[in-house]
Amino acid sequence: MSEKLEEKYKYMCKLAEDLTVKLHMASEKIMALEAEKLQLHIDLNTVEDSNVDVQVQITEIHRERELLKDYVDNMCGMIEAETPLKEHDRWLKDCRKMGWYPDKNTIDAEFEEEE
């Protein structure tokens, strides 16, 4: 093989080697970007799931707020109409079932702790 041809051959081999390194580096970058894309997709799904949870909680808070307003309105109506205490007791029992007011035993226990 002539010297010129051999130099061209070495040059082409070096070029192929450099391109192989660049191709490998590009492949690694692509894999890293794909991994990042997957992580972003997972993070986005987590955010969307959290958003749904928050929306459910907000809806539940609004529902309970409206219910509380109704209960307060009912009590005001009972006081204004001077309904029998039996009606007040029924209302209080409902409030305790909803967890809005502690039962008598809990209140008594709190007073005992303070003494």
PDB file of N, CA and C in Angstrom:
ATOM      1  N   MET A   1       0.841  -1.155   0.000  1.00  0.00           N
ATOM      2  CA  MET A   1       0.000   0.000   0.000  1.00  0.00           C
ATOM      3  C   MET A   1       0.897   1.231   0.000  1.00  0.00           C
ATOM      4  N   SER A   2       0.490   2.217  -0.753  1.00  0.00           N
ATOM      5  CA  SER A   2       1.318   3.424  -0.836  1.00  0.00           C
ATOM      6  C   SER A   2       1.196   4.200   0.470  1.00  0.00           C
ATOM      7  N   GLU A   3       2.194   5.011   0.673  1.00  0.00           N
ATOM      8  CA  GLU A   3       2.246   5.798   1.897  1.00  0.00           C
ATOM      9  C   GLU A   3       1.056   6.745   1.992  1.00  0.00           C
ATOM     10  N   LYS A   4       0.684   7.347   0.913  1.00  0.00           N
ATOM     11  CA  LYS A   4      -0.438   8.283   0.880  1.00  0.00           C
ATOM     12  C   LYS A   4      -1.742   7.548   1.198  1.00  0.00           C
ATOM     13  N   LEU A   5      -1.883   6.366   0.643  1.00  0.00           N
ATOM     14  CA  LEU A   5      -3.071   5.559   0.875  1.00  0.00           C
ATOM     15  C   LEU A   5      -3.124   5.115   2.335  1.00  0.00           C
ATOM     16  N   GLU A   6      -1.980   4.794   2.884  1.00  0.00           N
ATOM     17  CA  GLU A   6      -1.922   4.365   4.284  1.00  0.00           C
ATOM     18  C   GLU A   6      -2.302   5.524   5.205  1.00  0.00           C
ATOM     19  N   GLU A   7      -1.850   6.727   4.898  1.00  0.00           N
ATOM     20  CA  GLU A   7      -2.198   7.903   5.695  1.00  0.00           C
ATOM     21  C   GLU A   7      -3.703   8.175   5.640  1.00  0.00           C
ATOM     22  N   LYS A   8      -4.269   8.031   4.438  1.00  0.00           N
ATOM     23  CA  LYS A   8      -5.709   8.208   4.292  1.00  0.00           C
ATOM     24  C   LYS A   8      -6.453   7.171   5.113  1.00  0.00           C
ATOM     25  N   TYR A   9      -5.963   5.942   5.083  1.00  0.00           N
ATOM     26  CA  TYR A   9      -6.579   4.850   5.843  1.00  0.00           C
ATOM     27  C   TYR A   9      -6.531   5.158   7.347  1.00  0.00           C
ATOM     28  N   LYS A  10      -5.364   5.580   7.856  1.00  0.00           N
ATOM     29  CA  LYS A  10      -5.226   5.921   9.278  1.00  0.00           C
ATOM     30  C   LYS A  10      -6.142   7.103   9.639  1.00  0.00           C
ATOM     31  N   TYR A  11      -6.188   8.071   8.738  1.00  0.00           N
ATOM     32  CA  TYR A  11      -7.034   9.235   8.966  1.00  0.00           C
ATOM     33  C   TYR A  11      -8.500   8.809   9.062  1.00  0.00           C
ATOM     34  N   MET A  12      -8.948   7.950   8.166  1.00  0.00           N
ATOM     35  CA  MET A  12     -10.332   7.464   8.146  1.00  0.00           C
ATOM     36  C   MET A  12     -10.619   6.636   9.401  1.00  0.00           C
ATOM     37  N   CYS A  13      -9.639   5.834   9.836  1.00  0.00           N
ATOM     38  CA  CYS A  13      -9.801   5.038  11.059  1.00  0.00           C
ATOM     39  C   CYS A  13      -9.949   5.958  12.268  1.00  0.00           C
ATOM     40  N   LYS A  14      -9.119   6.997  12.327  1.00  0.00           N
ATOM     41  CA  LYS A  14      -9.190   7.945  13.432  1.00  0.00           C
ATOM     42  C   LYS A  14     -10.521   8.675  13.409  1.00  0.00           C
ATOM     43  N   LEU A  15     -10.977   9.053  12.226  1.00  0.00           N
ATOM     44  CA  LEU A  15     -12.252   9.718  12.078  1.00  0.00           C
ATOM     45  C   LEU A  15     -13.387   8.800  12.548  1.00  0.00           C
ATOM     46  N   ALA A  16     -13.341   7.535  12.160  1.00  0.00           N
ATOM     47  CA  ALA A  16     -14.352   6.565  12.582  1.00  0.00           C
ATOM     48  C   ALA A  16     -14.325   6.391  14.102  1.00  0.00           C
ATOM     49  N   GLU A  17     -13.141   6.356  14.677  1.00  0.00           N
ATOM     50  CA  GLU A  17     -12.994   6.215  16.124  1.00  0.00           C
ATOM     51  C   GLU A  17     -13.588   7.434  16.837  1.00  0.00           C
ATOM     52  N   ASP A  18     -13.268   8.638  16.351  1.00  0.00           N
ATOM     53  CA  ASP A  18     -13.810   9.861  16.951  1.00  0.00           C
ATOM     54  C   ASP A  18     -15.340   9.892  16.848  1.00  0.00           C
ATOM     55  N   LEU A  19     -15.844   9.501  15.696  1.00  0.00           N
ATOM     56  CA  LEU A  19     -17.296   9.492  15.506  1.00  0.00           C
ATOM     57  C   LEU A  19     -17.967   8.452  16.408  1.00  0.00           C
ATOM     58  N   THR A  20     -17.306   7.340  16.637  1.00  0.00           N
ATOM     59  CA  THR A  20     -17.832   6.303  17.531  1.00  0.00           C
ATOM     60  C   THR A  20     -17.922   6.843  18.964  1.00  0.00           C
ATOM     61  N   VAL A  21     -16.894   7.570  19.399  1.00  0.00           N
ATOM     62  CA  VAL A  21     -16.900   8.180  20.733  1.00  0.00           C
ATOM     63  C   VAL A  21     -18.037   9.196  20.835  1.00  0.00           C
ATOM     64  N   LYS A  22     -18.167  10.043  19.800  1.00  0.00           N
ATOM     65  CA  LYS A  22     -19.238  11.038  19.800  1.00  0.00           C
ATOM     66  C   LYS A  22     -20.607  10.367  19.795  1.00  0.00           C
ATOM     67  N   LEU A  23     -20.748   9.293  19.033  1.00  0.00           N
ATOM     68  CA  LEU A  23     -22.006   8.550  18.986  1.00  0.00           C
ATOM     69  C   LEU A  23     -22.322   7.969  20.361  1.00  0.00           C
ATOM     70  N   HIS A  24     -21.313   7.415  21.026  1.00  0.00           N
ATOM     71  CA  HIS A  24     -21.500   6.851  22.362  1.00  0.00           C
ATOM     72  C   HIS A  24     -21.926   7.953  23.347  1.00  0.00           C
ATOM     73  N   MET A  25     -21.269   9.111  23.276  1.00  0.00           N
ATOM     74  CA  MET A  25     -21.616  10.226  24.152  1.00  0.00           C
ATOM     75  C   MET A  25     -23.043  10.700  23.886  1.00  0.00           C
ATOM     76  N   ALA A  26     -23.412  10.764  22.616  1.00  0.00           N
ATOM     77  CA  ALA A  26     -24.774  11.177  22.261  1.00  0.00           C
ATOM     78  C   ALA A  26     -25.792  10.167  22.778  1.00  0.00           C
ATOM     79  N   SER A  27     -25.450   8.883  22.674  1.00  0.00           N
ATOM     80  CA  SER A  27     -26.350   7.842  23.177  1.00  0.00           C
ATOM     81  C   SER A  27     -26.544   7.970  24.685  1.00  0.00           C
ATOM     82  N   GLU A  28     -25.467   8.264  25.408  1.00  0.00           N
ATOM     83  CA  GLU A  28     -25.567   8.453  26.857  1.00  0.00           C
ATOM     84  C   GLU A  28     -26.435   9.664  27.197  1.00  0.00           C
ATOM     85  N   LYS A  29     -26.273  10.745  26.423  1.00  0.00           N
ATOM     86  CA  LYS A  29     -27.092  11.932  26.658  1.00  0.00           C
ATOM     87  C   LYS A  29     -28.566  11.626  26.396  1.00  0.00           C
ATOM     88  N   ILE A  30     -28.831  10.877  25.337  1.00  0.00           N
ATOM     89  CA  ILE A  30     -30.216  10.507  25.016  1.00  0.00           C
ATOM     90  C   ILE A  30     -30.808   9.678  26.147  1.00  0.00           C
ATOM     91  N   MET A  31     -30.038   8.715  26.652  1.00  0.00           N
ATOM     92  CA  MET A  31     -30.537   7.871  27.743  1.00  0.00           C
ATOM     93  C   MET A  31     -30.799   8.718  28.996  1.00  0.00           C
ATOM     94  N   ALA A  32     -29.918   9.669  29.283  1.00  0.00           N
ATOM     95  CA  ALA A  32     -30.104  10.547  30.444  1.00  0.00           C
ATOM     96  C   ALA A  32     -31.352  11.410  30.272  1.00  0.00           C
ATOM     97  N   LEU A  33     -31.543  11.936  29.064  1.00  0.00           N
ATOM     98  CA  LEU A  33     -32.723  12.754  28.795  1.00  0.00           C
ATOM     99  C   LEU A  33     -34.008  11.923  28.886  1.00  0.00           C
ATOM    100  N   GLU A  34     -33.956  10.696  28.398  1.00  0.00           N
ATOM    101  CA  GLU A  34     -35.119   9.806  28.494  1.00  0.00           C
ATOM    102  C   GLU A  34     -35.449   9.515  29.958  1.00  0.00           C
ATOM    103  N   ALA A  35     -34.408   9.293  30.770  1.00  0.00           N
ATOM    104  CA  ALA A  35     -34.614   9.047  32.203  1.00  0.00           C
ATOM    105  C   ALA A  35     -35.219  10.284  32.873  1.00  0.00           C
ATOM    106  N   GLU A  36     -34.705  11.460  32.495  1.00  0.00           N
ATOM    107  CA  GLU A  36     -35.238  12.706  33.048  1.00  0.00           C
ATOM    108  C   GLU A  36     -36.689  12.912  32.616  1.00  0.00           C
ATOM    109  N   LYS A  37     -36.962  12.606  31.361  1.00  0.00           N
ATOM    110  CA  LYS A  37     -38.326  12.725  30.840  1.00  0.00           C
ATOM    111  C   LYS A  37     -39.259  11.800  31.612  1.00  0.00           C
ATOM    112  N   LEU A  38     -38.807  10.580  31.868  1.00  0.00           N
ATOM    113  CA  LEU A  38     -39.611   9.617  32.630  1.00  0.00           C
ATOM    114  C   LEU A  38     -39.851  10.141  34.040  1.00  0.00           C
ATOM    115  N   GLN A  39     -38.807  10.690  34.678  1.00  0.00           N
ATOM    116  CA  GLN A  39     -38.949  11.232  36.030  1.00  0.00           C
ATOM    117  C   GLN A  39     -39.915  12.400  36.042  1.00  0.00           C
ATOM    118  N   LEU A  40     -39.822  13.271  35.039  1.00  0.00           N
ATOM    119  CA  LEU A  40     -40.750  14.400  34.950  1.00  0.00           C
ATOM    120  C   LEU A  40     -42.179  13.916  34.770  1.00  0.00           C
ATOM    121  N   HIS A  41     -42.360  12.871  33.982  1.00  0.00           N
ATOM    122  CA  HIS A  41     -43.691  12.294  33.781  1.00  0.00           C
ATOM    123  C   HIS A  41     -44.220  11.740  35.094  1.00  0.00           C
ATOM    124  N   ILE A  42     -43.352  11.041  35.836  1.00  0.00           N
ATOM    125  CA  ILE A  42     -43.750  10.490  37.138  1.00  0.00           C
ATOM    126  C   ILE A  42     -44.093  11.638  38.086  1.00  0.00           C
ATOM    127  N   ASP A  43     -43.241  12.687  38.121  1.00  0.00           N
ATOM    128  CA  ASP A  43     -43.496  13.842  38.979  1.00  0.00           C
ATOM    129  C   ASP A  43     -44.804  14.527  38.603  1.00  0.00           C
ATOM    130  N   LEU A  44     -45.062  14.657  37.302  1.00  0.00           N
ATOM    131  CA  LEU A  44     -46.288  15.281  36.836  1.00  0.00           C
ATOM    132  C   LEU A  44     -47.502  14.470  37.283  1.00  0.00           C
ATOM    133  N   ASN A  45     -47.411  13.146  37.160  1.00  0.00           N
ATOM    134  CA  ASN A  45     -48.512  12.294  37.618  1.00  0.00           C
ATOM    135  C   ASN A  45     -48.743  12.460  39.113  1.00  0.00           C
ATOM    136  N   THR A  46     -47.646  12.566  39.865  1.00  0.00           N
ATOM    137  CA  THR A  46     -47.757  12.754  41.316  1.00  0.00           C
ATOM    138  C   THR A  46     -48.441  14.084  41.619  1.00  0.00           C
ATOM    139  N   VAL A  47     -48.031  15.131  40.889  1.00  0.00           N
ATOM    140  CA  VAL A  47     -48.649  16.450  41.082  1.00  0.00           C
ATOM    141  C   VAL A  47     -50.130  16.386  40.724  1.00  0.00           C
ATOM    142  N   GLU A  48     -50.456  15.723  39.620  1.00  0.00           N
ATOM    143  CA  GLU A  48     -51.857  15.617  39.211  1.00  0.00           C
ATOM    144  C   GLU A  48     -52.657  14.843  40.248  1.00  0.00           C
ATOM    145  N   ASP A  49     -52.088  13.749  40.777  1.00  0.00           N
ATOM    146  CA  ASP A  49     -52.768  12.978  41.825  1.00  0.00           C
ATOM    147  C   ASP A  49     -52.960  13.833  43.071  1.00  0.00           C
ATOM    148  N   SER A  50     -51.929  14.595  43.439  1.00  0.00           N
ATOM    149  CA  SER A  50     -52.023  15.480  44.605  1.00  0.00           C
ATOM    150  C   SER A  50     -53.085  16.541  44.379  1.00  0.00           C
ATOM    151  N   ASN A  51     -53.129  17.070  43.164  1.00  0.00           N
ATOM    152  CA  ASN A  51     -54.119  18.081  42.835  1.00  0.00           C
ATOM    153  C   ASN A  51     -55.531  17.522  42.980  1.00  0.00           C
ATOM    154  N   VAL A  52     -55.732  16.292  42.526  1.00  0.00           N
ATOM    155  CA  VAL A  52     -57.043  15.650  42.663  1.00  0.00           C
ATOM    156  C   VAL A  52     -57.378  15.498  44.145  1.00  0.00           C
ATOM    157  N   ASP A  53     -56.401  15.059  44.953  1.00  0.00           N
ATOM    158  CA  ASP A  53     -56.619  14.907  46.390  1.00  0.00           C
ATOM    159  C   ASP A  53     -56.985  16.238  47.028  1.00  0.00           C
ATOM    160  N   VAL A  54     -56.276  17.299  46.642  1.00  0.00           N
ATOM    161  CA  VAL A  54     -56.544  18.625  47.194  1.00  0.00           C
ATOM    162  C   VAL A  54     -57.952  19.077  46.787  1.00  0.00           C
ATOM    163  N   GLN A  55     -58.310  18.844  45.535  1.00  0.00           N
ATOM    164  CA  GLN A  55     -59.646  19.235  45.073  1.00  0.00           C
ATOM    165  C   GLN A  55     -60.730  18.496  45.850  1.00  0.00           C
ATOM    166  N   VAL A  56     -60.509  17.220  46.119  1.00  0.00           N
ATOM    167  CA  VAL A  56     -61.468  16.431  46.905  1.00  0.00           C
ATOM    168  C   VAL A  56     -61.572  17.015  48.312  1.00  0.00           C
ATOM    169  N   GLN A  57     -60.430  17.352  48.897  1.00  0.00           N
ATOM    170  CA  GLN A  57     -60.436  17.938  50.241  1.00  0.00           C
ATOM    171  C   GLN A  57     -61.154  19.277  50.254  1.00  0.00           C
ATOM    172  N   ILE A  58     -60.907  20.097  49.251  1.00  0.00           N
ATOM    173  CA  ILE A  58     -61.568  21.405  49.169  1.00  0.00           C
ATOM    174  C   ILE A  58     -63.077  21.229  49.047  1.00  0.00           C
ATOM    175  N   THR A  59     -63.489  20.299  48.210  1.00  0.00           N
ATOM    176  CA  THR A  59     -64.918  20.025  48.046  1.00  0.00           C
ATOM    177  C   THR A  59     -65.530  19.577  49.367  1.00  0.00           C
ATOM    178  N   GLU A  60     -64.828  18.705  50.077  1.00  0.00           N
ATOM    179  CA  GLU A  60     -65.314  18.215  51.367  1.00  0.00           C
ATOM    180  C   GLU A  60     -65.394  19.354  52.388  1.00  0.00           C
ATOM    181  N   ILE A  61     -64.407  20.250  52.386  1.00  0.00           N
ATOM    182  CA  ILE A  61     -64.412  21.398  53.308  1.00  0.00           C
ATOM    183  C   ILE A  61     -65.598  22.314  52.999  1.00  0.00           C
ATOM    184  N   HIS A  62     -65.853  22.556  51.716  1.00  0.00           N
ATOM    185  CA  HIS A  62     -67.002  23.396  51.339  1.00  0.00           C
ATOM    186  C   HIS A  62     -68.310  22.742  51.774  1.00  0.00           C
ATOM    187  N   ARG A  63     -68.403  21.440  51.587  1.00  0.00           N
ATOM    188  CA  ARG A  63     -69.615  20.724  51.980  1.00  0.00           C
ATOM    189  C   ARG A  63     -69.828  20.831  53.489  1.00  0.00           C
ATOM    190  N   GLU A  64     -68.764  20.611  54.255  1.00  0.00           N
ATOM    191  CA  GLU A  64     -68.883  20.683  55.715  1.00  0.00           C
ATOM    192  C   GLU A  64     -69.188  22.112  56.165  1.00  0.00           C
ATOM    193  N   ARG A  65     -68.603  23.083  55.489  1.00  0.00           N
ATOM    194  CA  ARG A  65     -68.872  24.495  55.825  1.00  0.00           C
ATOM    195  C   ARG A  65     -70.352  24.810  55.645  1.00  0.00           C
ATOM    196  N   GLU A  66     -70.904  24.371  54.535  1.00  0.00           N
ATOM    197  CA  GLU A  66     -72.329  24.616  54.285  1.00  0.00           C
ATOM    198  C   GLU A  66     -73.191  23.893  55.314  1.00  0.00           C
ATOM    199  N   LEU A  67     -72.796  22.686  55.667  1.00  0.00           N
ATOM    200  CA  LEU A  67     -73.528  21.924  56.673  1.00  0.00           C
ATOM    201  C   LEU A  67     -73.460  22.631  58.030  1.00  0.00           C
ATOM    202  N   LEU A  68     -72.279  23.139  58.382  1.00  0.00           N
ATOM    203  CA  LEU A  68     -72.135  23.880  59.640  1.00  0.00           C
ATOM    204  C   LEU A  68     -73.035  25.122  59.645  1.00  0.00           C
ATOM    205  N   LYS A  69     -73.051  25.826  58.518  1.00  0.00           N
ATOM    206  CA  LYS A  69     -73.925  27.003  58.428  1.00  0.00           C
ATOM    207  C   LYS A  69     -75.385  26.605  58.635  1.00  0.00           C
ATOM    208  N   ASP A  70     -75.787  25.487  58.062  1.00  0.00           N
ATOM    209  CA  ASP A  70     -77.161  25.003  58.250  1.00  0.00           C
ATOM    210  C   ASP A  70     -77.432  24.668  59.716  1.00  0.00           C
ATOM    211  N   TYR A  71     -76.457  24.019  60.370  1.00  0.00           N
ATOM    212  CA  TYR A  71     -76.632  23.657  61.784  1.00  0.00           C
ATOM    213  C   TYR A  71     -76.738  24.907  62.660  1.00  0.00           C
ATOM    214  N   VAL A  72     -75.900  25.909  62.400  1.00  0.00           N
ATOM    215  CA  VAL A  72     -75.965  27.155  63.164  1.00  0.00           C
ATOM    216  C   VAL A  72     -77.308  27.837  62.918  1.00  0.00           C
ATOM    217  N   ASP A  73     -77.736  27.856  61.665  1.00  0.00           N
ATOM    218  CA  ASP A  73     -79.025  28.450  61.321  1.00  0.00           C
ATOM    219  C   ASP A  73     -80.158  27.723  62.048  1.00  0.00           C
ATOM    220  N   ASN A  74     -80.076  26.388  62.090  1.00  0.00           N
ATOM    221  CA  ASN A  74     -81.101  25.613  62.803  1.00  0.00           C
ATOM    222  C   ASN A  74     -81.137  25.975  64.288  1.00  0.00           C
ATOM    223  N   MET A  75     -79.961  26.081  64.912  1.00  0.00           N
ATOM    224  CA  MET A  75     -79.914  26.417  66.342  1.00  0.00           C
ATOM    225  C   MET A  75     -80.477  27.819  66.575  1.00  0.00           C
ATOM    226  N   CYS A  76     -80.115  28.757  65.714  1.00  0.00           N
ATOM    227  CA  CYS A  76     -80.659  30.114  65.855  1.00  0.00           C
ATOM    228  C   CYS A  76     -82.184  30.093  65.746  1.00  0.00           C
ATOM    229  N   GLY A  77     -82.683  29.316  64.810  1.00  0.00           N
ATOM    230  CA  GLY A  77     -84.139  29.191  64.659  1.00  0.00           C
ATOM    231  C   GLY A  77     -84.783  28.572  65.886  1.00  0.00           C
ATOM    232  N   MET A  78     -84.129  27.558  66.471  1.00  0.00           N
ATOM    233  CA  MET A  78     -84.678  26.923  67.674  1.00  0.00           C
ATOM    234  C   MET A  78     -84.701  27.900  68.849  1.00  0.00           C
ATOM    235  N   ILE A  79     -83.640  28.700  68.983  1.00  0.00           N
ATOM    236  CA  ILE A  79     -83.583  29.681  70.067  1.00  0.00           C
ATOM    237  C   ILE A  79     -84.661  30.745  69.865  1.00  0.00           C
ATOM    238  N   GLU A  80     -84.744  31.229  68.634  1.00  0.00           N
ATOM    239  CA  GLU A  80     -85.726  32.277  68.335  1.00  0.00           C
ATOM    240  C   GLU A  80     -87.153  31.780  68.552  1.00  0.00           C
ATOM    241  N   ALA A  81     -87.422  30.538  68.163  1.00  0.00           N
ATOM    242  CA  ALA A  81     -88.769  29.979  68.308  1.00  0.00           C
ATOM    243  C   ALA A  81     -89.017  29.434  69.704  1.00  0.00           C
ATOM    244  N   GLU A  82     -87.970  29.487  70.552  1.00  0.00           N
ATOM    245  CA  GLU A  82     -88.053  28.982  71.919  1.00  0.00           C
ATOM    246  C   GLU A  82     -88.572  27.541  71.947  1.00  0.00           C
ATOM    247  N   THR A  83     -87.940  26.709  71.121  1.00  0.00           N
ATOM    248  CA  THR A  83     -88.335  25.297  71.071  1.00  0.00           C
ATOM    249  C   THR A  83     -87.948  24.609  72.378  1.00  0.00           C
ATOM    250  N   PRO A  84     -88.594  23.493  72.675  1.00  0.00           N
ATOM    251  CA  PRO A  84     -88.288  22.766  73.919  1.00  0.00           C
ATOM    252  C   PRO A  84     -86.825  22.299  73.926  1.00  0.00           C
ATOM    253  N   LEU A  85     -86.278  22.152  75.128  1.00  0.00           N
ATOM    254  CA  LEU A  85     -84.889  21.713  75.269  1.00  0.00           C
ATOM    255  C   LEU A  85     -84.651  20.352  74.632  1.00  0.00           C
ATOM    256  N   LYS A  86     -85.695  19.559  74.536  1.00  0.00           N
ATOM    257  CA  LYS A  86     -85.574  18.241  73.891  1.00  0.00           C
ATOM    258  C   LYS A  86     -85.072  18.395  72.454  1.00  0.00           C
ATOM    259  N   GLU A  87     -85.547  19.435  71.762  1.00  0.00           N
ATOM    260  CA  GLU A  87     -85.093  19.716  70.393  1.00  0.00           C
ATOM    261  C   GLU A  87     -83.627  20.133  70.387  1.00  0.00           C
ATOM    262  N   HIS A  88     -83.242  20.928  71.395  1.00  0.00           N
ATOM    263  CA  HIS A  88     -81.839  21.349  71.515  1.00  0.00           C
ATOM    264  C   HIS A  88     -80.947  20.134  71.766  1.00  0.00           C
ATOM    265  N   ASP A  89     -81.426  19.229  72.609  1.00  0.00           N
ATOM    266  CA  ASP A  89     -80.652  18.008  72.904  1.00  0.00           C
ATOM    267  C   ASP A  89     -80.465  17.161  71.645  1.00  0.00           C
ATOM    268  N   ARG A  90     -81.502  17.064  70.840  1.00  0.00           N
ATOM    269  CA  ARG A  90     -81.424  16.304  69.585  1.00  0.00           C
ATOM    270  C   ARG A  90     -80.397  16.945  68.645  1.00  0.00           C
ATOM    271  N   TRP A  91     -80.430  18.278  68.580  1.00  0.00           N
ATOM    272  CA  TRP A  91     -79.468  19.016  67.755  1.00  0.00           C
ATOM    273  C   TRP A  91     -78.052  18.780  68.254  1.00  0.00           C
ATOM    274  N   LEU A  92     -77.849  18.843  69.581  1.00  0.00           N
ATOM    275  CA  LEU A  92     -76.530  18.628  70.171  1.00  0.00           C
ATOM    276  C   LEU A  92     -76.038  17.203  69.894  1.00  0.00           C
ATOM    277  N   LYS A  93     -76.940  16.243  69.974  1.00  0.00           N
ATOM    278  CA  LYS A  93     -76.578  14.845  69.689  1.00  0.00           C
ATOM    279  C   LYS A  93     -76.082  14.716  68.248  1.00  0.00           C
ATOM    280  N   ASP A  94     -76.753  15.370  67.321  1.00  0.00           N
ATOM    281  CA  ASP A  94     -76.312  15.353  65.918  1.00  0.00           C
ATOM    282  C   ASP A  94     -74.923  15.969  65.766  1.00  0.00           C
ATOM    283  N   CYS A  95     -74.700  17.105  66.475  1.00  0.00           N
ATOM    284  CA  CYS A  95     -73.390  17.774  66.409  1.00  0.00           C
ATOM    285  C   CYS A  95     -72.297  16.856  66.941  1.00  0.00           C
ATOM    286  N   ARG A  96     -72.590  16.119  67.991  1.00  0.00           N
ATOM    287  CA  ARG A  96     -71.596  15.193  68.550  1.00  0.00           C
ATOM    288  C   ARG A  96     -71.316  14.052  67.578  1.00  0.00           C
ATOM    289  N   LYS A  97     -72.345  13.563  66.905  1.00  0.00           N
ATOM    290  CA  LYS A  97     -72.144  12.501  65.896  1.00  0.00           C
ATOM    291  C   LYS A  97     -71.231  12.983  64.771  1.00  0.00           C
ATOM    292  N   MET A  98     -71.366  14.257  64.419  1.00  0.00           N
ATOM    293  CA  MET A  98     -70.550  14.839  63.352  1.00  0.00           C
ATOM    294  C   MET A  98     -69.124  15.127  63.826  1.00  0.00           C
ATOM    295  N   GLY A  99     -68.903  15.036  65.164  1.00  0.00           N
ATOM    296  CA  GLY A  99     -67.576  15.309  65.704  1.00  0.00           C
ATOM    297  C   GLY A  99     -67.310  16.789  65.911  1.00  0.00           C
ATOM    298  N   TRP A 100     -68.360  17.602  65.910  1.00  0.00           N
ATOM    299  CA  TRP A 100     -68.205  19.037  66.059  1.00  0.00           C
ATOM    300  C   TRP A 100     -68.216  19.487  67.510  1.00  0.00           C
ATOM    301  N   TYR A 101     -68.683  18.635  68.397  1.00  0.00           N
ATOM    302  CA  TYR A 101     -68.765  18.998  69.806  1.00  0.00           C
ATOM    303  C   TYR A 101     -68.463  17.754  70.624  1.00  0.00           C
ATOM    304  N   PRO A 102     -67.599  17.893  71.643  1.00  0.00           N
ATOM    305  CA  PRO A 102     -67.219  16.699  72.422  1.00  0.00           C
ATOM    306  C   PRO A 102     -68.393  16.198  73.262  1.00  0.00           C
ATOM    307  N   ASP A 103     -68.363  14.900  73.565  1.00  0.00           N
ATOM    308  CA  ASP A 103     -69.427  14.360  74.410  1.00  0.00           C
ATOM    309  C   ASP A 103     -69.188  14.759  75.868  1.00  0.00           C
ATOM    310  N   LYS A 104     -70.184  14.528  76.704  1.00  0.00           N
ATOM    311  CA  LYS A 104     -70.130  14.955  78.102  1.00  0.00           C
ATOM    312  C   LYS A 104     -68.942  14.343  78.831  1.00  0.00           C
ATOM    313  N   ASN A 105     -68.637  13.068  78.573  1.00  0.00           N
ATOM    314  CA  ASN A 105     -67.512  12.405  79.252  1.00  0.00           C
ATOM    315  C   ASN A 105     -66.186  13.093  78.929  1.00  0.00           C
ATOM    316  N   THR A 106     -66.015  13.508  77.684  1.00  0.00           N
ATOM    317  CA  THR A 106     -64.786  14.195  77.282  1.00  0.00           C
ATOM    318  C   THR A 106     -64.671  15.537  77.993  1.00  0.00           C
ATOM    319  N   ILE A 107     -65.782  16.257  78.058  1.00  0.00           N
ATOM    320  CA  ILE A 107     -65.779  17.558  78.735  1.00  0.00           C
ATOM    321  C   ILE A 107     -65.470  17.376  80.217  1.00  0.00           C
ATOM    322  N   ASP A 108     -66.131  16.392  80.865  1.00  0.00           N
ATOM    323  CA  ASP A 108     -65.885  16.125  82.283  1.00  0.00           C
ATOM    324  C   ASP A 108     -64.426  15.759  82.522  1.00  0.00           C
ATOM    325  N   ALA A 109     -63.854  14.940  81.640  1.00  0.00           N
ATOM    326  CA  ALA A 109     -62.454  14.520  81.786  1.00  0.00           C
ATOM    327  C   ALA A 109     -61.521  15.722  81.678  1.00  0.00           C
ATOM    328  N   GLU A 110     -61.828  16.663  80.793  1.00  0.00           N
ATOM    329  CA  GLU A 110     -60.986  17.855  80.650  1.00  0.00           C
ATOM    330  C   GLU A 110     -61.037  18.715  81.909  1.00  0.00           C
ATOM    331  N   PHE A 111     -62.223  18.833  82.511  1.00  0.00           N
ATOM    332  CA  PHE A 111     -62.343  19.605  83.739  1.00  0.00           C
ATOM    333  C   PHE A 111     -61.604  18.933  84.890  1.00  0.00           C
ATOM    334  N   GLU A 112     -61.640  17.602  84.943  1.00  0.00           N
ATOM    335  CA  GLU A 112     -60.927  16.858  85.996  1.00  0.00           C
ATOM    336  C   GLU A 112     -59.427  17.058  85.873  1.00  0.00           C
ATOM    337  N   GLU A 113     -58.905  17.099  84.658  1.00  0.00           N
ATOM    338  CA  GLU A 113     -57.473  17.305  84.434  1.00  0.00           C
ATOM    339  C   GLU A 113     -57.032  18.673  84.913  1.00  0.00           C
ATOM    340  N   GLU A 114     -57.884  19.679  84.759  1.00  0.00           N
ATOM    341  CA  GLU A 114     -57.541  21.041  85.150  1.00  0.00           C
ATOM    342  C   GLU A 114     -57.510  21.209  86.669  1.00  0.00           C
ATOM    343  N   GLU A 115     -58.291  20.429  87.397  1.00  0.00           N
ATOM    344  CA  GLU A 115     -58.375  20.575  88.865  1.00  0.00           C
ATOM    345  C   GLU A 115     -57.169  20.054  89.568  1.00  0.00           C
TER     346      GLU A 115
END
